[in-house]
C-alpha atoms as a PDB file:
ATOM      1  CA  MET A   1      13.411 -69.210  39.272  1.00  0.00           C
ATOM      2  CA  SER A   2       9.721 -69.182  40.027  1.00  0.00           C
ATOM      3  CA  GLU A   3       7.746 -66.129  39.415  1.00  0.00           C
ATOM      4  CA  THR A   4       6.305 -66.742  43.088  1.00  0.00           C
ATOM      5  CA  ALA A   5       9.840 -67.164  44.915  1.00  0.00           C
ATOM      6  CA  GLU A   6      10.981 -64.673  47.341  1.00  0.00           C
ATOM      7  CA  ALA A   7      14.355 -63.278  48.531  1.00  0.00           C
ATOM      8  CA  ASP A   8      15.793 -66.164  50.828  1.00  0.00           C
ATOM      9  CA  SER A   9      17.999 -66.122  53.925  1.00  0.00           C
ATOM     10  CA  PRO A  10      21.061 -68.232  54.208  1.00  0.00           C
ATOM     11  CA  GLN A  11      19.336 -70.539  56.349  1.00  0.00           C
ATOM     12  CA  GLU A  12      16.513 -70.972  54.064  1.00  0.00           C
ATOM     13  CA  ARG A  13      19.023 -71.620  51.327  1.00  0.00           C
ATOM     14  CA  GLY A  14      20.153 -74.637  52.971  1.00  0.00           C
ATOM     15  CA  ILE A  15      16.755 -76.106  52.996  1.00  0.00           C
ATOM     16  CA  VAL A  16      15.922 -75.630  49.640  1.00  0.00           C
ATOM     17  CA  GLY A  17      18.827 -75.608  47.119  1.00  0.00           C
ATOM     18  CA  GLU A  18      19.442 -73.314  44.242  1.00  0.00           C
ATOM     19  CA  GLN A  19      18.740 -75.781  41.602  1.00  0.00           C
ATOM     20  CA  GLU A  20      15.570 -76.784  43.540  1.00  0.00           C
ATOM     21  CA  LEU A  21      14.433 -73.390  43.765  1.00  0.00           C
ATOM     22  CA  LYS A  22      14.984 -72.621  40.110  1.00  0.00           C
ATOM     23  CA  SER A  23      12.771 -75.614  39.272  1.00  0.00           C
ATOM     24  CA  LEU A  24       9.503 -74.284  41.079  1.00  0.00           C
ATOM     25  CA  ALA A  25       6.570 -72.981  39.029  1.00  0.00           C
ATOM     26  CA  ALA A  26       3.827 -72.761  41.661  1.00  0.00           C
ATOM     27  CA  LEU A  27       5.263 -72.437  45.210  1.00  0.00           C
ATOM     28  CA  SER A  28       7.087 -69.601  46.862  1.00  0.00           C
ATOM     29  CA  LEU A  29      10.257 -69.911  48.518  1.00  0.00           C
ATOM     30  CA  ASP A  30       8.554 -69.731  52.031  1.00  0.00           C
ATOM     31  CA  GLU A  31       6.043 -72.228  51.119  1.00  0.00           C
ATOM     32  CA  ALA A  32       8.696 -74.456  49.762  1.00  0.00           C
ATOM     33  CA  VAL A  33      10.787 -74.067  53.153  1.00  0.00           C
ATOM     34  CA  ALA A  34       7.712 -74.768  54.920  1.00  0.00           C
ATOM     35  CA  VAL A  35       6.970 -78.087  53.084  1.00  0.00           C
ATOM     36  CA  ARG A  36      10.347 -79.466  53.753  1.00  0.00           C
ATOM     37  CA  ARG A  37      10.219 -78.707  57.384  1.00  0.00           C
ATOM     38  CA  TRP A  38       6.924 -80.262  57.849  1.00  0.00           C
ATOM     39  CA  TRP A  39       7.839 -83.453  55.772  1.00  0.00           C
ATOM     40  CA  GLN A  40      10.985 -84.016  57.642  1.00  0.00           C
ATOM     41  CA  ARG A  41       9.087 -83.736  60.960  1.00  0.00           C
ATOM     42  CA  LEU A  42       6.356 -85.706  59.610  1.00  0.00           C
ATOM     43  CA  ALA A  43       8.334 -88.785  57.921  1.00  0.00           C
ATOM     44  CA  LEU A  44      11.811 -88.955  59.195  1.00  0.00           C
ATOM     45  CA  SER A  45      13.183 -91.018  62.407  1.00  0.00           C
ATOM     46  CA  PRO A  46      14.456 -89.173  65.334  1.00  0.00           C
ATOM     47  CA  VAL A  47      18.163 -89.793  64.282  1.00  0.00           C
ATOM     48  CA  GLU A  48      17.541 -88.754  60.784  1.00  0.00           C
ATOM     49  CA  LEU A  49      15.845 -85.524  62.052  1.00  0.00           C
ATOM     50  CA  GLU A  50      18.352 -84.532  64.526  1.00  0.00           C
ATOM     51  CA  GLN A  51      20.973 -84.331  61.839  1.00  0.00           C
ATOM     52  CA  LEU A  52      18.695 -81.839  59.834  1.00  0.00           C
ATOM     53  CA  THR A  53      16.822 -79.604  62.450  1.00  0.00           C
ATOM     54  CA  PRO A  54      16.593 -79.018  66.193  1.00  0.00           C
ATOM     55  CA  GLN A  55      12.597 -79.222  65.774  1.00  0.00           C
ATOM     56  CA  PRO A  56      11.048 -82.484  67.302  1.00  0.00           C
ATOM     57  CA  GLY A  57       9.311 -84.969  64.872  1.00  0.00           C
ATOM     58  CA  LEU A  58       5.724 -85.037  64.942  1.00  0.00           C
ATOM     59  CA  PRO A  59       4.171 -87.937  67.367  1.00  0.00           C
ATOM     60  CA  ARG A  60       4.050 -91.330  66.071  1.00  0.00           C
ATOM     61  CA  GLY A  61       0.759 -92.179  64.333  1.00  0.00           C
ATOM     62  CA  VAL A  62       0.159 -88.454  62.863  1.00  0.00           C
ATOM     63  CA  ARG A  63       1.579 -89.639  59.134  1.00  0.00           C
ATOM     64  CA  ALA A  64      -0.469 -92.849  59.440  1.00  0.00           C
ATOM     65  CA  GLY A  65      -3.563 -90.826  60.387  1.00  0.00           C
ATOM     66  CA  LEU A  66      -3.159 -88.800  57.175  1.00  0.00           C
ATOM     67  CA  ARG A  67      -2.422 -91.828  55.047  1.00  0.00           C
ATOM     68  CA  ARG A  68      -5.550 -93.208  56.168  1.00  0.00           C
ATOM     69  CA  CYS A  69      -7.661 -90.196  54.823  1.00  0.00           C
ATOM     70  CA  ASP A  70      -9.022 -90.835  51.491  1.00  0.00           C
ATOM     71  CA  THR A  71     -10.784 -87.308  50.808  1.00  0.00           C
ATOM     72  CA  LEU A  72      -9.501 -83.691  51.174  1.00  0.00           C
ATOM     73  CA  ASP A  73     -12.139 -83.078  53.896  1.00  0.00           C
ATOM     74  CA  THR A  74     -10.837 -85.760  56.173  1.00  0.00           C
ATOM     75  CA  ALA A  75      -7.188 -84.824  55.797  1.00  0.00           C
ATOM     76  CA  LEU A  76      -8.393 -80.979  57.014  1.00  0.00           C
ATOM     77  CA  LEU A  77      -9.184 -82.503  60.281  1.00  0.00           C
ATOM     78  CA  THR A  78      -5.826 -84.288  60.809  1.00  0.00           C
ATOM     79  CA  GLN A  79      -2.964 -83.063  63.271  1.00  0.00           C
ATOM     80  CA  ALA A  80      -0.607 -83.730  60.336  1.00  0.00           C
ATOM     81  CA  PHE A  81      -2.485 -81.044  58.176  1.00  0.00           C
ATOM     82  CA  ARG A  82      -2.945 -78.490  61.136  1.00  0.00           C
ATOM     83  CA  GLU A  83       0.697 -78.600  61.562  1.00  0.00           C
ATOM     84  CA  LEU A  84       1.427 -77.817  57.969  1.00  0.00           C
ATOM     85  CA  TRP A  85      -1.081 -75.098  57.842  1.00  0.00           C
ATOM     86  CA  ARG A  86       0.404 -73.596  61.057  1.00  0.00           C
ATOM     87  CA  ILE A  87       3.790 -72.818  59.398  1.00  0.00           C
ATOM     88  CA  LEU A  88       2.675 -71.687  55.813  1.00  0.00           C
ATOM     89  CA  PRO A  89       3.224 -68.047  55.179  1.00  0.00           C
ATOM     90  CA  GLU A  90       0.640 -65.728  56.297  1.00  0.00           C
ATOM     91  CA  ALA A  91       0.009 -64.604  52.869  1.00  0.00           C
ATOM     92  CA  THR A  92      -0.954 -68.390  52.181  1.00  0.00           C
ATOM     93  CA  ARG A  93      -3.331 -68.427  55.107  1.00  0.00           C
ATOM     94  CA  GLU A  94      -5.002 -65.207  54.901  1.00  0.00           C
ATOM     95  CA  ALA A  95      -8.844 -65.009  55.035  1.00  0.00           C
ATOM     96  CA  SER A  96      -9.817 -63.953  51.170  1.00  0.00           C
ATOM     97  CA  PHE A  97      -7.763 -66.908  50.001  1.00  0.00           C
ATOM     98  CA  MET A  98      -8.299 -69.721  52.827  1.00  0.00           C
ATOM     99  CA  ASP A  99     -10.957 -71.589  51.338  1.00  0.00           C
ATOM    100  CA  ALA A 100      -9.050 -72.160  48.255  1.00  0.00           C
ATOM    101  CA  ASN A 101      -5.758 -72.563  49.710  1.00  0.00           C
ATOM    102  CA  LEU A 102      -7.173 -75.247  52.355  1.00  0.00           C
ATOM    103  CA  GLU A 103      -8.327 -77.592  49.435  1.00  0.00           C
ATOM    104  CA  LYS A 104      -5.024 -77.040  47.577  1.00  0.00           C
ATOM    105  CA  TRP A 105      -2.760 -77.970  50.815  1.00  0.00           C
ATOM    106  CA  SER A 106      -4.626 -80.584  51.927  1.00  0.00           C
ATOM    107  CA  SER A 107      -4.175 -82.257  48.598  1.00  0.00           C
ATOM    108  CA  ILE A 108      -0.553 -81.599  49.008  1.00  0.00           C
ATOM    109  CA  ALA A 109      -0.543 -83.131  52.520  1.00  0.00           C
ATOM    110  CA  LEU A 110      -2.155 -86.223  51.336  1.00  0.00           C
ATOM    111  CA  VAL A 111       0.187 -86.966  48.400  1.00  0.00           C
ATOM    112  CA  LEU A 112       3.293 -86.021  50.764  1.00  0.00           C
ATOM    113  CA  ALA A 113       2.293 -88.305  53.387  1.00  0.00           C
ATOM    114  CA  GLU A 114       3.092 -91.198  50.959  1.00  0.00           C
ATOM    115  CA  LEU A 115       6.710 -90.316  50.595  1.00  0.00           C
ATOM    116  CA  ARG A 116       9.072 -92.134  53.102  1.00  0.00           C
ATOM    117  CA  ALA A 117      12.528 -90.886  51.991  1.00  0.00           C
ATOM    118  CA  GLU A 118      13.294 -87.848  49.502  1.00  0.00           C
ATOM    119  CA  THR A 119      16.061 -87.192  47.033  1.00  0.00           C
ATOM    120  CA  PRO A 120      16.279 -83.021  46.965  1.00  0.00           C
ATOM    121  CA  ASN A 121      15.708 -81.710  43.577  1.00  0.00           C
ATOM    122  CA  LYS A 122      14.382 -85.067  42.128  1.00  0.00           C
ATOM    123  CA  ALA A 123      11.189 -84.731  40.344  1.00  0.00           C
ATOM    124  CA  LEU A 124       8.395 -87.349  40.548  1.00  0.00           C
ATOM    125  CA  ALA A 125       7.956 -87.725  36.901  1.00  0.00           C
ATOM    126  CA  ALA A 126      11.659 -88.102  36.127  1.00  0.00           C
ATOM    127  CA  ARG A 127      11.637 -90.827  38.804  1.00  0.00           C
ATOM    128  CA  LEU A 128       8.768 -92.586  37.215  1.00  0.00           C
ATOM    129  CA  GLY A 129      10.434 -92.549  33.817  1.00  0.00           C
ATOM    130  CA  GLN A 130      13.670 -94.191  35.340  1.00  0.00           C
ATOM    131  CA  GLN A 131      14.484 -97.706  33.808  1.00  0.00           C
ATOM    132  CA  ALA A 132      13.096-100.608  35.936  1.00  0.00           C
ATOM    133  CA  PRO A 133      14.693-104.160  36.079  1.00  0.00           C
ATOM    134  CA  THR A 134      12.287-105.100  33.396  1.00  0.00           C
ATOM    135  CA  GLY A 135      13.995-102.610  31.028  1.00  0.00           C
ATOM    136  CA  LYS A 136      10.709-100.348  30.946  1.00  0.00           C
ATOM    137  CA  PRO A 137       9.919 -97.379  32.855  1.00  0.00           C
ATOM    138  CA  ILE A 138       8.881 -97.792  36.466  1.00  0.00           C
ATOM    139  CA  MET A 139       5.553 -96.307  35.321  1.00  0.00           C
ATOM    140  CA  SER A 140       4.150 -97.227  31.993  1.00  0.00           C
ATOM    141  CA  GLU A 141       3.511 -94.360  29.395  1.00  0.00           C
ATOM    142  CA  LEU A 142      -0.045 -95.079  29.492  1.00  0.00           C
ATOM    143  CA  ARG A 143      -0.496 -94.508  33.294  1.00  0.00           C
ATOM    144  CA  PHE A 144       1.799 -91.682  33.227  1.00  0.00           C
ATOM    145  CA  GLN A 145      -0.471 -90.018  30.634  1.00  0.00           C
ATOM    146  CA  GLN A 146      -3.385 -90.585  32.871  1.00  0.00           C
ATOM    147  CA  ILE A 147      -1.779 -88.544  35.482  1.00  0.00           C
ATOM    148  CA  LEU A 148      -1.347 -85.557  33.074  1.00  0.00           C
ATOM    149  CA  ALA A 149      -5.085 -86.220  32.329  1.00  0.00           C
ATOM    150  CA  CYS A 150      -6.489 -85.858  35.792  1.00  0.00           C
ATOM    151  CA  ARG A 151      -9.607 -83.698  35.877  1.00  0.00           C
ATOM    152  CA  THR A 152     -10.459 -83.565  39.500  1.00  0.00           C
ATOM    153  CA  PRO A 153      -8.653 -83.162  42.879  1.00  0.00           C
ATOM    154  CA  ASP A 154      -9.512 -86.683  44.295  1.00  0.00           C
ATOM    155  CA  GLU A 155      -8.339 -88.236  40.974  1.00  0.00           C
ATOM    156  CA  LEU A 156      -5.068 -86.236  41.237  1.00  0.00           C
ATOM    157  CA  VAL A 157      -4.385 -87.400  44.843  1.00  0.00           C
ATOM    158  CA  GLN A 158      -5.273 -91.019  44.000  1.00  0.00           C
ATOM    159  CA  ARG A 159      -2.982 -91.262  40.863  1.00  0.00           C
ATOM    160  CA  LEU A 160      -0.057 -89.491  42.616  1.00  0.00           C
ATOM    161  CA  ARG A 161      -0.477 -91.623  45.683  1.00  0.00           C
ATOM    162  CA  ARG A 162      -0.268 -94.943  43.264  1.00  0.00           C
ATOM    163  CA  ALA A 163       2.686 -93.355  41.263  1.00  0.00           C
ATOM    164  CA  LEU A 164       4.646 -92.976  44.628  1.00  0.00           C
ATOM    165  CA  ALA A 165       3.907 -96.565  45.402  1.00  0.00           C
ATOM    166  CA  LEU A 166       5.304 -97.637  41.919  1.00  0.00           C
ATOM    167  CA  ALA A 167       8.485 -95.510  42.865  1.00  0.00           C
ATOM    168  CA  GLY A 168       9.173 -97.195  46.055  1.00  0.00           C
ATOM    169  CA  ARG A 169       7.927 -93.995  48.091  1.00  0.00           C
ATOM    170  CA  SER A 170      11.449 -92.669  47.740  1.00  0.00           C
ATOM    171  CA  GLU A 171      13.917 -90.954  45.608  1.00  0.00           C
ATOM    172  CA  VAL A 172      11.554 -87.833  45.004  1.00  0.00           C
ATOM    173  CA  SER A 173      11.765 -84.169  46.147  1.00  0.00           C
ATOM    174  CA  ALA A 174       9.093 -83.370  48.668  1.00  0.00           C
ATOM    175  CA  VAL A 175       9.471 -79.794  47.570  1.00  0.00           C
ATOM    176  CA  ARG A 176       9.014 -80.650  43.878  1.00  0.00           C
ATOM    177  CA  LEU A 177       6.216 -82.726  44.737  1.00  0.00           C
ATOM    178  CA  ALA A 178       4.401 -80.188  46.316  1.00  0.00           C
ATOM    179  CA  ASP A 179       5.117 -77.597  43.508  1.00  0.00           C
ATOM    180  CA  VAL A 180       3.480 -80.229  40.880  1.00  0.00           C
ATOM    181  CA  VAL A 181       0.174 -80.525  43.020  1.00  0.00           C
ATOM    182  CA  ALA A 182      -0.053 -76.564  43.594  1.00  0.00           C
ATOM    183  CA  LEU A 183       0.742 -76.176  39.787  1.00  0.00           C
ATOM    184  CA  TRP A 184      -2.248 -78.625  39.153  1.00  0.00           C
ATOM    185  CA  TRP A 185      -4.510 -76.391  41.445  1.00  0.00           C
ATOM    186  CA  ARG A 186      -3.494 -73.438  39.702  1.00  0.00           C
ATOM    187  CA  GLU A 187      -4.375 -74.487  36.291  1.00  0.00           C
ATOM    188  CA  TYR A 188      -7.550 -76.071  37.816  1.00  0.00           C
ATOM    189  CA  ARG A 189      -8.596 -72.848  39.196  1.00  0.00           C
ATOM    190  CA  SER A 190      -7.163 -70.145  36.905  1.00  0.00           C
ATOM    191  CA  GLY A 191      -6.231 -71.847  33.742  1.00  0.00           C
ATOM    192  CA  PHE A 192      -2.808 -72.311  32.093  1.00  0.00           C
ATOM    193  CA  SER A 193       0.194 -69.997  32.294  1.00  0.00           C
ATOM    194  CA  ALA A 194       1.150 -68.060  29.315  1.00  0.00           C
ATOM    195  CA  ARG A 195       4.446 -69.551  29.451  1.00  0.00           C
ATOM    196  CA  PRO A 196       4.319 -73.246  28.289  1.00  0.00           C
ATOM    197  CA  THR A 197       7.298 -74.331  30.509  1.00  0.00           C
ATOM    198  CA  HIS A 198       5.264 -73.122  33.522  1.00  0.00           C
ATOM    199  CA  ARG A 199       2.387 -75.863  32.655  1.00  0.00           C
ATOM    200  CA  PHE A 200       1.650 -79.010  34.567  1.00  0.00           C
ATOM    201  CA  GLY A 201       1.663 -81.100  31.271  1.00  0.00           C
ATOM    202  CA  PHE A 202       4.846 -79.740  29.889  1.00  0.00           C
ATOM    203  CA  ILE A 203       6.907 -79.766  33.227  1.00  0.00           C
ATOM    204  CA  LEU A 204       5.593 -83.546  33.845  1.00  0.00           C
ATOM    205  CA  ALA A 205       6.184 -84.850  30.444  1.00  0.00           C
ATOM    206  CA  ASN A 206       9.505 -83.045  30.139  1.00  0.00           C
ATOM    207  CA  ASP A 207      10.929 -85.013  33.328  1.00  0.00           C
ATOM    208  CA  TYR A 208       9.391 -88.129  32.374  1.00  0.00           C
ATOM    209  CA  PHE A 209      10.499 -88.466  28.836  1.00  0.00           C
ATOM    210  CA  GLY A 210      13.836 -86.880  29.463  1.00  0.00           C
ATOM    211  CA  ALA A 211      14.368 -89.975  31.937  1.00  0.00           C
ATOM    212  CA  THR A 212      13.245 -92.485  29.489  1.00  0.00           C
ATOM    213  CA  ALA A 213      15.253 -91.001  26.229  1.00  0.00           C
ATOM    214  CA  GLY A 214      18.675 -92.257  27.729  1.00  0.00           C
ATOM    215  CA  TYR A 215      17.777 -96.032  27.791  1.00  0.00           C
ATOM    216  CA  HIS A 216      15.281 -95.989  24.931  1.00  0.00           C
ATOM    217  CA  HIS A 217      18.192 -94.556  22.694  1.00  0.00           C
ATOM    218  CA  GLU A 218      20.418 -97.265  23.923  1.00  0.00           C
ATOM    219  CA  ASP A 219      17.937 -99.925  22.907  1.00  0.00           C
ATOM    220  CA  THR A 220      17.810 -98.651  19.219  1.00  0.00           C
END
């Protein structure tokens, strides 16, 4: 379980599953729950949403408005971001951390807006490492390495958006995707974790090469 995860209720456990919770490296449980609730209201159809939550979906066009944004600053001004920020835990929004967290969460919102359909507990890097009809990974190793080498928030958002497009904007967990972005921001501001298994590069590489290992082995 992530060092930041908190005690959860039975209702919350139904929103973020046990395995997904254990995979988190940078989000608290409350943040993960907020991410999934927000993404469901942003991206799902009324019929799909009705089966998951009594909360109404966000108005049509809200997701499109966020997708049109190309900077963190413009994302901050959207209704979609305001809806996300409103439901985040109070500790995330408190004044002493507000400036830093606004940028981090606007990045999360920009990336998640590209996801059309999710598979709970499916990591983006594992999806990118899946075998495409060509026999090669959905994303080439060279382009994957470029994600690991991101040095600025704008570059991270741009590369993750492109990665989701390659992945068909589906079969990725919204929660785990948000956790990856949050982890990148933690390292960007505070440096690497003392635990290698809680580092951005290790987690993504482990998921990606874990996915490619099976079919690469079959080819040998």
